[in-house]
Amino acid sequence: MLEIIAPRKNKICLLDYNYKKDIENRCLLSSLNELELNALEEILFSSIKTSISRLSKDIDIQEKTLLPILKKLTSSELIQIDGEIVTIDKKMRKYFEFEYKRFDENFKPDLLFINNLLQKIPIHILPIWYSLPKSSNNIFESIIDKYFKTPHLFERHISNIEHEKEIFLHIIEDVYNAKDFEIEAKVLQKKYDLDKETYLECILLLEFNFLCFQSYKKTKKGFVEVLSPFHEYKAYLLYLQKTKTASIENTKSIIRKRNTDFGFVKDLSSALKIAKKPISIEQLHDNLKKEISLKDTDIIITSTYINSVLEKLIDLNFLIKKQDLIKSASKTDEWLGLDYEKKALHLYYHPLNTLKNKNILPTLIAEKAIKETEKSIIRVLNNDWVYFDDFKNGILAAIADEKVIKIISHGKAHKYFIPTYTSEEILFVKTVIFERLFETGIIAVGSLNGRDCFRVTKFGKSLFEIS
């Protein structure tokens, strides 16, 4: 669910332009039926001066049917009728050409459309509305950098939005929580008991705040007015929706690597206790394997797993080698006195707790790449068990600069770049999750029908939940 959280002073002031005329014309447009819209389209593509008879012929309707339509359009100051002659106002034609695009079946309220929308506003007002530096050479590029550069930037803008009218904020939540992020205007008007003018005033504020945009969908019953996010962000949201990882339905047969969330931390503790007195590495290995096998009778404890426990303790300098024997370091007494959650936190933040996997490219084993990969589990934070094979199809991790999700342009068009990952990068992500996050109790791992699976633990959710 989208929530509006922290307030920020809203600087959009509709009084800075003739917004009442804008609302009046939008009311007119929303009231037009298909025949009237056809007449409007013909007028928009006619010469500045035309005639009623010519329009009647071009639209293929009788003059007596056309006349009421023309009279309806005169209220907008788009046309003037003098006997047979119809004169089209250049300024208003430009306005209606722009607004008429919303009825096109291929219409997208994209960044190009937003750029044109802002041309309604005096250019000296825009830096005030959007808190831009006066030295900005390209106002719209500055707006893109400030609000649209990445989904995270735009989401922060949404979260920080403020308005004195609660309905304004409720409409935002309704749109972003609607199916496919689109909702009909009549639903919102009925829900909040809004007349058309009041509703359209809200729409203007939403559009100039880049939050939602008005468009029309053609149906068998005519055009239906809808509200949705700007196109590039909506496409990003639909991608997230499409690649959402489904939870495993039947989890009873999952074979867990360890039957408790802090299993690895507990095994570290057990090994340290066994090694209180000097012991050979072989004996420590055997004793630890026996102890874990007695505790978890349902799982098979492999020598590889025991080696990973002992190697971790050696890497952390928790085990000290003395000749042919090994012993717990004295500093581990304090660590052993911690509860399992604090032990896991200590392990998670320990500077010597690094990834060691010969199959991982050295260029990937960097702190930033690891942290960004860890954050990828946020997508399944509220899931139960998931297959890694399903999860990897929707991985979004900025493991390198070229993997950052950001707005890119193709000529005049824009889109959010969604990264793809090589098999080596997928292996890196899996290693971070199935080794580092498992070892620190953030992830529980297992297998089902020969497929690796995992879930975020209660402890993991407390660390990664989005506040």
Protein backbone atom coordinates (compact mmCIF):
# COMPACT_ATOMS: atom_id res chain seq x y z
CA MET A 1 0.00 0.00 0.00
CA LEU A 2 1.27 3.44 -0.88
CA GLU A 3 1.28 5.85 2.03
CA ILE A 4 1.92 9.58 2.20
CA ILE A 5 4.24 10.11 5.15
CA ALA A 6 6.43 13.19 5.62
CA PRO A 7 5.09 16.66 4.78
CA ARG A 8 6.83 19.15 2.50
CA LYS A 9 5.60 22.62 1.65
CA ASN A 10 3.79 22.55 -1.68
CA LYS A 11 4.72 25.52 -3.88
CA ILE A 12 2.32 24.82 -6.75
CA CYS A 13 -0.07 27.78 -6.94
CA LEU A 14 -2.78 27.57 -9.59
CA LEU A 15 -3.31 31.32 -9.35
CA ASP A 16 -0.03 31.70 -11.23
CA TYR A 17 -1.91 31.03 -14.47
CA ASN A 18 -5.51 31.14 -15.73
CA TYR A 19 -6.47 27.84 -14.14
CA LYS A 20 -10.21 28.61 -14.05
CA LYS A 21 -10.27 28.84 -17.84
CA ASP A 22 -8.31 25.57 -17.98
CA ILE A 23 -10.90 23.88 -15.75
CA GLU A 24 -13.76 25.34 -17.80
CA ASN A 25 -12.29 23.96 -21.02
CA ARG A 26 -11.54 20.57 -19.49
CA CYS A 27 -15.13 20.39 -18.27
CA LEU A 28 -16.23 21.07 -21.82
CA LEU A 29 -13.95 18.37 -23.23
CA SER A 30 -15.12 15.76 -20.73
CA SER A 31 -18.75 16.48 -21.68
CA LEU A 32 -18.25 15.88 -25.42
CA ASN A 33 -19.66 12.76 -27.02
CA GLU A 34 -17.99 10.89 -29.88
CA LEU A 35 -19.70 12.92 -32.60
CA GLU A 36 -18.78 16.20 -30.90
CA LEU A 37 -15.19 15.04 -30.51
CA ASN A 38 -15.07 14.20 -34.22
CA ALA A 39 -16.26 17.72 -34.98
CA LEU A 40 -13.63 19.17 -32.66
CA GLU A 41 -10.91 17.14 -34.36
CA GLU A 42 -11.97 18.41 -37.77
CA ILE A 43 -11.92 22.00 -36.52
CA LEU A 44 -8.44 21.58 -35.06
CA PHE A 45 -7.10 20.43 -38.42
CA SER A 46 -8.96 22.98 -40.51
CA SER A 47 -7.64 26.30 -41.75
CA ILE A 48 -8.07 29.39 -39.57
CA LYS A 49 -11.17 30.36 -41.54
CA THR A 50 -13.65 27.78 -42.74
CA SER A 51 -17.38 27.51 -43.26
CA ILE A 52 -20.24 25.63 -41.67
CA SER A 53 -21.05 23.94 -44.98
CA ARG A 54 -17.42 22.83 -45.44
CA LEU A 55 -17.24 21.42 -41.91
CA SER A 56 -20.59 19.70 -42.41
CA LYS A 57 -19.29 18.04 -45.56
CA ASP A 58 -15.91 17.04 -44.04
CA ILE A 59 -17.50 15.56 -40.90
CA ASP A 60 -20.31 14.02 -42.96
CA ILE A 61 -23.18 15.32 -40.86
CA GLN A 62 -26.08 17.64 -41.60
CA GLU A 63 -25.69 21.33 -40.82
CA LYS A 64 -28.63 21.25 -38.39
CA THR A 65 -26.73 18.58 -36.40
CA LEU A 66 -23.45 20.49 -36.60
CA LEU A 67 -24.76 23.89 -35.48
CA PRO A 68 -25.47 22.94 -31.81
CA ILE A 69 -21.97 21.44 -31.61
CA LEU A 70 -20.37 24.62 -32.94
CA LYS A 71 -22.38 26.76 -30.52
CA LYS A 72 -21.22 24.52 -27.67
CA LEU A 73 -17.59 25.08 -28.70
CA THR A 74 -17.94 28.86 -28.91
CA SER A 75 -18.03 29.00 -25.08
CA SER A 76 -14.39 27.94 -25.07
CA GLU A 77 -13.40 30.83 -27.37
CA LEU A 78 -11.98 28.26 -29.78
CA ILE A 79 -14.26 29.43 -32.58
CA GLN A 80 -16.35 32.42 -33.57
CA ILE A 81 -19.34 32.10 -35.89
CA ASP A 82 -20.27 34.94 -38.18
CA GLY A 83 -23.10 33.79 -40.40
CA GLU A 84 -21.64 30.96 -42.51
CA ILE A 85 -18.02 31.71 -41.60
CA VAL A 86 -16.25 29.91 -38.73
CA THR A 87 -13.05 31.57 -37.44
CA ILE A 88 -10.66 29.51 -35.31
CA ASP A 89 -8.58 31.20 -32.61
CA LYS A 90 -4.88 30.26 -33.02
CA LYS A 91 -4.06 30.35 -29.32
CA MET A 92 -7.06 28.27 -28.30
CA ARG A 93 -6.47 25.83 -31.15
CA LYS A 94 -3.01 25.18 -29.77
CA TYR A 95 -4.54 24.59 -26.33
CA PHE A 96 -7.15 22.14 -27.64
CA GLU A 97 -4.67 20.34 -29.90
CA PHE A 98 -2.67 19.56 -26.78
CA GLU A 99 -5.66 18.56 -24.63
CA TYR A 100 -7.23 16.50 -27.42
CA LYS A 101 -4.24 14.15 -27.31
CA ARG A 102 -5.68 12.71 -24.10
CA PHE A 103 -8.43 11.08 -26.21
CA ASP A 104 -5.99 9.33 -28.56
CA GLU A 105 -5.96 5.54 -28.11
CA ASN A 106 -2.15 5.63 -28.11
CA PHE A 107 -1.91 8.52 -25.66
CA LYS A 108 0.70 8.22 -22.93
CA PRO A 109 1.14 10.87 -20.23
CA ASP A 110 4.90 10.57 -20.58
CA LEU A 111 7.73 12.99 -19.84
CA LEU A 112 7.39 14.57 -23.28
CA PHE A 113 3.73 15.26 -22.52
CA ILE A 114 4.66 16.69 -19.10
CA ASN A 115 7.21 18.98 -20.75
CA ASN A 116 4.47 20.31 -23.04
CA LEU A 117 2.03 20.56 -20.13
CA LEU A 118 4.40 22.86 -18.28
CA GLN A 119 4.38 25.26 -21.21
CA LYS A 120 0.99 26.43 -19.94
CA ILE A 121 2.85 28.04 -17.05
CA PRO A 122 4.92 31.25 -17.40
CA ILE A 123 8.53 30.12 -17.59
CA HIS A 124 9.70 32.35 -14.73
CA ILE A 125 7.19 30.61 -12.41
CA LEU A 126 8.56 27.07 -12.92
CA PRO A 127 11.79 27.50 -10.88
CA ILE A 128 9.63 28.73 -7.98
CA TRP A 129 7.15 25.87 -8.22
CA TYR A 130 9.82 23.19 -8.40
CA SER A 131 12.56 24.78 -6.28
CA LEU A 132 15.06 24.90 -9.13
CA PRO A 133 18.25 26.98 -9.21
CA LYS A 134 17.86 30.22 -11.15
CA SER A 135 21.05 29.38 -13.03
CA SER A 136 19.43 26.31 -14.62
CA ASN A 137 20.04 26.31 -18.39
CA ASN A 138 17.35 23.75 -19.14
CA ILE A 139 14.42 23.85 -16.76
CA PHE A 140 12.87 20.55 -17.79
CA GLU A 141 16.17 18.67 -17.64
CA SER A 142 16.59 20.06 -14.12
CA ILE A 143 13.10 18.81 -13.27
CA ILE A 144 13.96 15.35 -14.60
CA ASP A 145 17.14 15.26 -12.52
CA LYS A 146 15.31 16.37 -9.39
CA TYR A 147 12.09 14.35 -9.61
CA PHE A 148 12.31 11.62 -12.26
CA LYS A 149 15.97 10.50 -12.48
CA THR A 150 15.33 7.26 -10.59
CA PRO A 151 12.19 5.56 -9.25
CA HIS A 152 13.58 6.12 -5.76
CA LEU A 153 13.73 9.89 -6.34
CA PHE A 154 10.16 9.98 -7.59
CA GLU A 155 8.94 7.79 -4.71
CA ARG A 156 10.59 10.15 -2.26
CA HIS A 157 8.75 13.02 -3.98
CA ILE A 158 5.45 11.15 -3.53
CA SER A 159 6.17 10.40 0.12
CA ASN A 160 7.06 14.00 0.90
CA ILE A 161 4.06 15.58 -0.79
CA GLU A 162 1.85 17.86 1.25
CA HIS A 163 -1.47 19.55 0.62
CA GLU A 164 -4.03 21.28 2.77
CA LYS A 165 -6.84 19.21 1.23
CA GLU A 166 -6.90 15.61 2.45
CA ILE A 167 -8.84 14.53 -0.64
CA PHE A 168 -5.77 15.40 -2.73
CA LEU A 169 -3.68 12.88 -0.78
CA HIS A 170 -6.45 10.26 -0.76
CA ILE A 171 -6.74 10.39 -4.55
CA ILE A 172 -2.99 9.74 -4.88
CA GLU A 173 -3.30 6.65 -2.69
CA ASP A 174 -6.37 5.46 -4.61
CA VAL A 175 -4.55 5.70 -7.95
CA TYR A 176 -1.35 3.98 -6.80
CA ASN A 177 -3.25 1.21 -5.05
CA ALA A 178 -5.69 0.65 -7.94
CA LYS A 179 -5.54 -2.35 -10.25
CA ASP A 180 -2.91 -1.66 -12.92
CA PHE A 181 -2.51 1.80 -11.32
CA GLU A 182 -5.52 3.27 -13.11
CA ILE A 183 -8.86 4.44 -11.76
CA GLU A 184 -11.96 5.99 -13.34
CA ALA A 185 -12.73 9.62 -12.58
CA LYS A 186 -16.39 8.88 -11.83
CA VAL A 187 -15.31 6.47 -9.06
CA LEU A 188 -13.26 9.20 -7.38
CA GLN A 189 -15.94 11.85 -7.84
CA LYS A 190 -18.55 9.60 -6.26
CA LYS A 191 -16.28 8.44 -3.44
CA TYR A 192 -15.39 11.98 -2.36
CA ASP A 193 -18.64 13.65 -3.46
CA LEU A 194 -16.88 16.07 -5.81
CA ASP A 195 -18.50 18.19 -8.49
CA LYS A 196 -16.67 18.29 -11.83
CA GLU A 197 -15.00 21.66 -11.24
CA THR A 198 -13.66 20.73 -7.79
CA TYR A 199 -12.46 17.38 -9.09
CA LEU A 200 -10.64 19.01 -12.02
CA GLU A 201 -8.98 21.49 -9.70
CA CYS A 202 -7.56 18.50 -7.83
CA ILE A 203 -6.43 17.00 -11.14
CA LEU A 204 -4.56 20.17 -12.09
CA LEU A 205 -2.71 20.08 -8.77
CA LEU A 206 -1.96 16.38 -9.19
CA GLU A 207 -0.64 16.89 -12.72
CA PHE A 208 1.53 19.86 -11.87
CA ASN A 209 2.90 17.86 -8.94
CA PHE A 210 3.65 15.04 -11.45
CA LEU A 211 1.59 12.57 -9.39
CA CYS A 212 -1.34 11.54 -11.61
CA PHE A 213 -2.56 12.40 -15.08
CA GLN A 214 -5.91 12.54 -16.80
CA SER A 215 -6.65 10.61 -19.99
CA TYR A 216 -9.61 9.02 -21.78
CA LYS A 217 -10.29 5.42 -22.79
CA LYS A 218 -12.69 4.59 -25.58
CA THR A 219 -15.36 2.04 -24.67
CA LYS A 220 -18.57 0.80 -26.30
CA LYS A 221 -20.43 3.40 -24.26
CA GLY A 222 -18.12 6.25 -25.19
CA PHE A 223 -15.01 7.75 -23.64
CA VAL A 224 -14.24 7.05 -19.99
CA GLU A 225 -12.05 9.48 -18.06
CA VAL A 226 -9.27 7.80 -16.06
CA LEU A 227 -6.40 8.81 -13.82
CA SER A 228 -2.97 7.14 -13.74
CA PRO A 229 0.73 7.85 -12.93
CA PHE A 230 3.02 9.26 -15.59
CA HIS A 231 3.75 6.67 -18.26
CA GLU A 232 7.40 5.82 -17.53
CA TYR A 233 6.74 5.24 -13.83
CA LYS A 234 3.56 3.29 -14.52
CA ALA A 235 5.56 1.01 -16.85
CA TYR A 236 8.09 0.52 -14.05
CA LEU A 237 5.31 -0.33 -11.57
CA LEU A 238 3.78 -2.79 -14.02
CA TYR A 239 7.21 -4.41 -14.42
CA LEU A 240 7.42 -4.84 -10.65
CA GLN A 241 3.93 -6.30 -10.67
CA LYS A 242 4.76 -8.69 -13.51
CA THR A 243 7.99 -9.92 -11.88
CA LYS A 244 6.57 -10.21 -8.37
CA THR A 245 7.75 -13.49 -6.87
CA ALA A 246 4.99 -15.86 -5.78
CA SER A 247 5.33 -17.69 -2.47
CA ILE A 248 5.56 -21.47 -2.48
CA GLU A 249 2.09 -22.84 -1.68
CA ASN A 250 3.00 -26.12 0.01
CA THR A 251 6.00 -25.61 2.30
CA LYS A 252 5.63 -28.73 4.46
CA SER A 253 8.16 -30.72 2.43
CA ILE A 254 10.88 -28.05 2.37
CA ILE A 255 14.20 -29.41 3.60
CA ARG A 256 15.84 -26.61 5.56
CA LYS A 257 19.59 -26.24 5.76
CA ARG A 258 19.13 -25.61 9.49
CA ASN A 259 15.86 -25.93 11.38
CA THR A 260 16.22 -22.63 13.25
CA ASP A 261 16.64 -19.12 11.85
CA PHE A 262 19.86 -18.54 13.80
CA GLY A 263 21.19 -22.02 13.04
CA PHE A 264 24.57 -20.89 11.73
CA VAL A 265 25.12 -18.52 14.67
CA LYS A 266 24.21 -21.33 17.07
CA ASP A 267 26.71 -23.60 15.34
CA LEU A 268 29.42 -20.93 15.67
CA SER A 269 28.62 -20.79 19.39
CA SER A 270 28.73 -24.58 19.74
CA ALA A 271 32.11 -24.77 18.01
CA LEU A 272 33.57 -22.08 20.29
CA LYS A 273 32.33 -23.89 23.39
CA ILE A 274 33.82 -27.19 22.20
CA ALA A 275 37.13 -25.41 21.54
CA LYS A 276 37.35 -23.84 25.01
CA LYS A 277 40.25 -26.20 25.52
CA PRO A 278 42.81 -26.86 22.79
CA ILE A 279 41.57 -29.47 20.33
CA SER A 280 42.62 -30.73 16.93
CA ILE A 281 40.75 -29.29 13.97
CA GLU A 282 39.74 -32.82 12.97
CA GLN A 283 38.32 -33.58 16.42
CA LEU A 284 36.52 -30.23 16.54
CA HIS A 285 35.04 -31.01 13.13
CA ASP A 286 33.78 -34.43 14.25
CA ASN A 287 32.45 -33.26 17.63
CA LEU A 288 30.57 -30.34 16.08
CA LYS A 289 29.06 -32.55 13.38
CA LYS A 290 27.82 -35.02 16.01
CA GLU A 291 26.35 -32.27 18.19
CA ILE A 292 24.45 -30.62 15.31
CA SER A 293 23.21 -34.00 14.05
CA LEU A 294 21.75 -34.75 17.49
CA LYS A 295 19.98 -31.37 17.60
CA ASP A 296 18.66 -31.48 14.01
CA THR A 297 17.79 -35.11 13.33
CA ASP A 298 15.74 -34.24 10.23
CA ILE A 299 18.62 -32.78 8.22
CA ILE A 300 21.87 -34.09 6.85
CA ILE A 301 24.91 -32.22 8.14
CA THR A 302 27.66 -32.29 5.51
CA SER A 303 31.38 -31.91 6.06
CA THR A 304 31.25 -28.92 3.69
CA TYR A 305 28.85 -27.16 6.05
CA ILE A 306 30.98 -27.93 9.13
CA ASN A 307 34.04 -26.61 7.28
CA SER A 308 32.16 -23.36 6.51
CA VAL A 309 31.43 -22.89 10.23
CA LEU A 310 35.05 -23.45 11.25
CA GLU A 311 36.47 -21.35 8.41
CA LYS A 312 34.20 -18.47 9.43
CA LEU A 313 35.49 -18.62 13.02
CA ILE A 314 39.08 -18.66 11.79
CA ASP A 315 38.42 -15.70 9.44
CA LEU A 316 36.94 -13.72 12.34
CA ASN A 317 39.95 -14.61 14.54
CA PHE A 318 37.53 -16.34 16.92
CA LEU A 319 39.60 -19.53 16.68
CA ILE A 320 43.35 -19.41 17.21
CA LYS A 321 45.74 -22.05 15.92
CA LYS A 322 48.46 -23.25 18.31
CA GLN A 323 50.76 -25.73 16.65
CA ASP A 324 48.52 -28.64 15.61
CA LEU A 325 45.66 -27.61 17.88
CA ILE A 326 42.98 -24.95 17.79
CA LYS A 327 41.35 -23.00 20.61
CA SER A 328 38.68 -20.32 21.14
CA ALA A 329 40.10 -16.81 21.48
CA SER A 330 39.60 -15.23 24.89
CA LYS A 331 37.68 -12.32 23.31
CA THR A 332 34.90 -14.72 22.30
CA ASP A 333 33.67 -15.05 25.89
CA GLU A 334 31.90 -11.70 25.56
CA TRP A 335 30.41 -12.70 22.20
CA LEU A 336 29.15 -16.00 23.63
CA GLY A 337 27.35 -14.03 26.33
CA LEU A 338 25.19 -12.22 23.77
CA ASP A 339 21.75 -13.44 22.69
CA TYR A 340 21.50 -14.94 19.21
CA GLU A 341 20.10 -11.79 17.60
CA LYS A 342 22.98 -9.66 18.88
CA LYS A 343 25.45 -12.35 17.83
CA ALA A 344 23.95 -12.25 14.33
CA LEU A 345 24.18 -8.44 14.22
CA HIS A 346 27.81 -8.57 15.34
CA LEU A 347 28.54 -11.10 12.61
CA TYR A 348 26.65 -9.05 9.99
CA TYR A 349 28.66 -5.90 10.67
CA HIS A 350 32.01 -7.57 11.40
CA PRO A 351 34.67 -6.16 9.00
CA LEU A 352 36.31 -9.58 8.63
CA ASN A 353 33.05 -11.26 7.61
CA THR A 354 33.63 -11.18 3.87
CA LEU A 355 32.51 -13.33 0.97
CA LYS A 356 34.83 -16.14 -0.05
CA ASN A 357 33.76 -17.92 -3.19
CA LYS A 358 36.25 -18.84 -5.88
CA ASN A 359 33.49 -18.83 -8.51
CA ILE A 360 32.62 -15.16 -7.97
CA LEU A 361 34.27 -12.50 -10.11
CA PRO A 362 36.65 -10.42 -7.94
CA THR A 363 35.15 -7.22 -9.37
CA LEU A 364 31.83 -8.07 -7.74
CA ILE A 365 33.11 -8.60 -4.21
CA ALA A 366 32.85 -4.98 -3.14
CA GLU A 367 30.99 -3.59 -0.15
CA LYS A 368 28.62 -1.49 -2.27
CA ALA A 369 27.73 -4.43 -4.52
CA ILE A 370 27.09 -6.64 -1.50
CA LYS A 371 24.88 -4.06 0.23
CA GLU A 372 22.87 -3.41 -2.94
CA THR A 373 22.41 -7.15 -3.42
CA GLU A 374 21.24 -7.55 0.16
CA LYS A 375 18.56 -4.92 -0.47
CA SER A 376 17.18 -7.04 -3.32
CA ILE A 377 15.40 -9.23 -0.74
CA ILE A 378 13.06 -6.29 -0.02
CA ARG A 379 11.00 -7.50 -2.99
CA VAL A 380 10.13 -10.70 -1.07
CA LEU A 381 10.09 -9.23 2.42
CA ASN A 382 6.43 -10.11 2.96
CA ASN A 383 6.53 -13.45 1.17
CA ASP A 384 6.81 -16.85 2.77
CA TRP A 385 9.21 -19.32 1.13
CA VAL A 386 10.15 -18.54 -2.50
CA TYR A 387 12.16 -20.38 -5.12
CA PHE A 388 15.39 -18.63 -6.00
CA ASP A 389 14.75 -19.45 -9.69
CA ASP A 390 11.55 -17.39 -9.49
CA PHE A 391 13.16 -14.62 -7.45
CA LYS A 392 16.06 -14.13 -9.86
CA ASN A 393 13.66 -13.13 -12.66
CA GLY A 394 12.83 -9.95 -10.78
CA ILE A 395 16.19 -9.08 -9.22
CA LEU A 396 16.83 -5.35 -9.00
CA ALA A 397 20.28 -4.78 -7.53
CA ALA A 398 22.62 -1.91 -8.41
CA ILE A 399 25.71 -4.11 -8.13
CA ALA A 400 27.53 -1.75 -10.52
CA ASP A 401 26.98 1.78 -11.81
CA GLU A 402 25.58 0.44 -15.07
CA LYS A 403 22.96 -1.56 -13.14
CA VAL A 404 21.30 1.47 -11.56
CA ILE A 405 17.62 1.88 -12.49
CA LYS A 406 17.39 5.34 -13.99
CA ILE A 407 15.58 7.32 -16.63
CA ILE A 408 17.18 7.14 -20.07
CA SER A 409 16.18 8.88 -23.28
CA HIS A 410 15.75 7.59 -26.82
CA GLY A 411 15.32 10.73 -28.86
CA LYS A 412 12.33 12.48 -27.31
CA ALA A 413 11.09 9.32 -25.58
CA HIS A 414 12.13 8.23 -22.10
CA LYS A 415 11.95 5.07 -20.03
CA TYR A 416 13.31 3.63 -16.83
CA PHE A 417 16.25 1.38 -17.62
CA ILE A 418 15.77 -2.09 -16.08
CA PRO A 419 19.09 -3.95 -15.73
CA THR A 420 19.73 -7.52 -16.80
CA TYR A 421 22.26 -9.80 -15.16
CA THR A 422 24.84 -12.30 -16.39
CA SER A 423 25.05 -15.83 -15.00
CA GLU A 424 28.11 -14.73 -12.96
CA GLU A 425 26.12 -11.84 -11.47
CA ILE A 426 23.20 -14.13 -10.64
CA LEU A 427 25.65 -16.45 -8.88
CA PHE A 428 26.94 -13.49 -6.89
CA VAL A 429 23.40 -12.55 -5.80
CA LYS A 430 22.69 -16.14 -4.80
CA THR A 431 25.93 -16.34 -2.82
CA VAL A 432 25.13 -13.16 -0.90
CA ILE A 433 21.67 -14.49 -0.02
CA PHE A 434 22.43 -18.17 0.56
CA GLU A 435 25.71 -17.63 2.38
CA ARG A 436 26.09 -14.17 3.94
CA LEU A 437 22.43 -13.53 4.76
CA PHE A 438 21.82 -17.13 5.82
CA GLU A 439 24.82 -17.07 8.15
CA THR A 440 23.59 -13.89 9.84
CA GLY A 441 20.05 -15.20 10.42
CA ILE A 442 18.46 -12.79 7.94
CA ILE A 443 17.49 -15.54 5.52
CA ALA A 444 16.38 -19.14 6.06
CA VAL A 445 17.40 -21.43 3.19
CA GLY A 446 16.32 -24.85 2.04
CA SER A 447 15.29 -26.91 -0.95
CA LEU A 448 12.09 -28.39 -2.34
CA ASN A 449 11.94 -30.90 -5.17
CA GLY A 450 15.60 -30.22 -5.90
CA ARG A 451 15.07 -26.45 -6.19
CA ASP A 452 16.77 -23.97 -3.86
CA CYS A 453 14.41 -21.77 -1.89
CA PHE A 454 14.55 -19.19 0.88
CA ARG A 455 12.49 -16.85 3.02
CA VAL A 456 13.25 -13.68 4.97
CA THR A 457 13.24 -14.39 8.70
CA LYS A 458 11.52 -12.28 11.36
CA PHE A 459 14.96 -10.91 12.22
CA GLY A 460 15.63 -10.14 8.55
CA LYS A 461 12.34 -8.29 8.20
CA SER A 462 13.19 -6.11 11.20
CA LEU A 463 16.45 -5.07 9.49
CA PHE A 464 15.17 -4.54 5.96
CA GLU A 465 11.58 -3.40 6.36
CA ILE A 466 10.87 -0.06 4.67
CA SER A 467 9.89 2.47 7.28
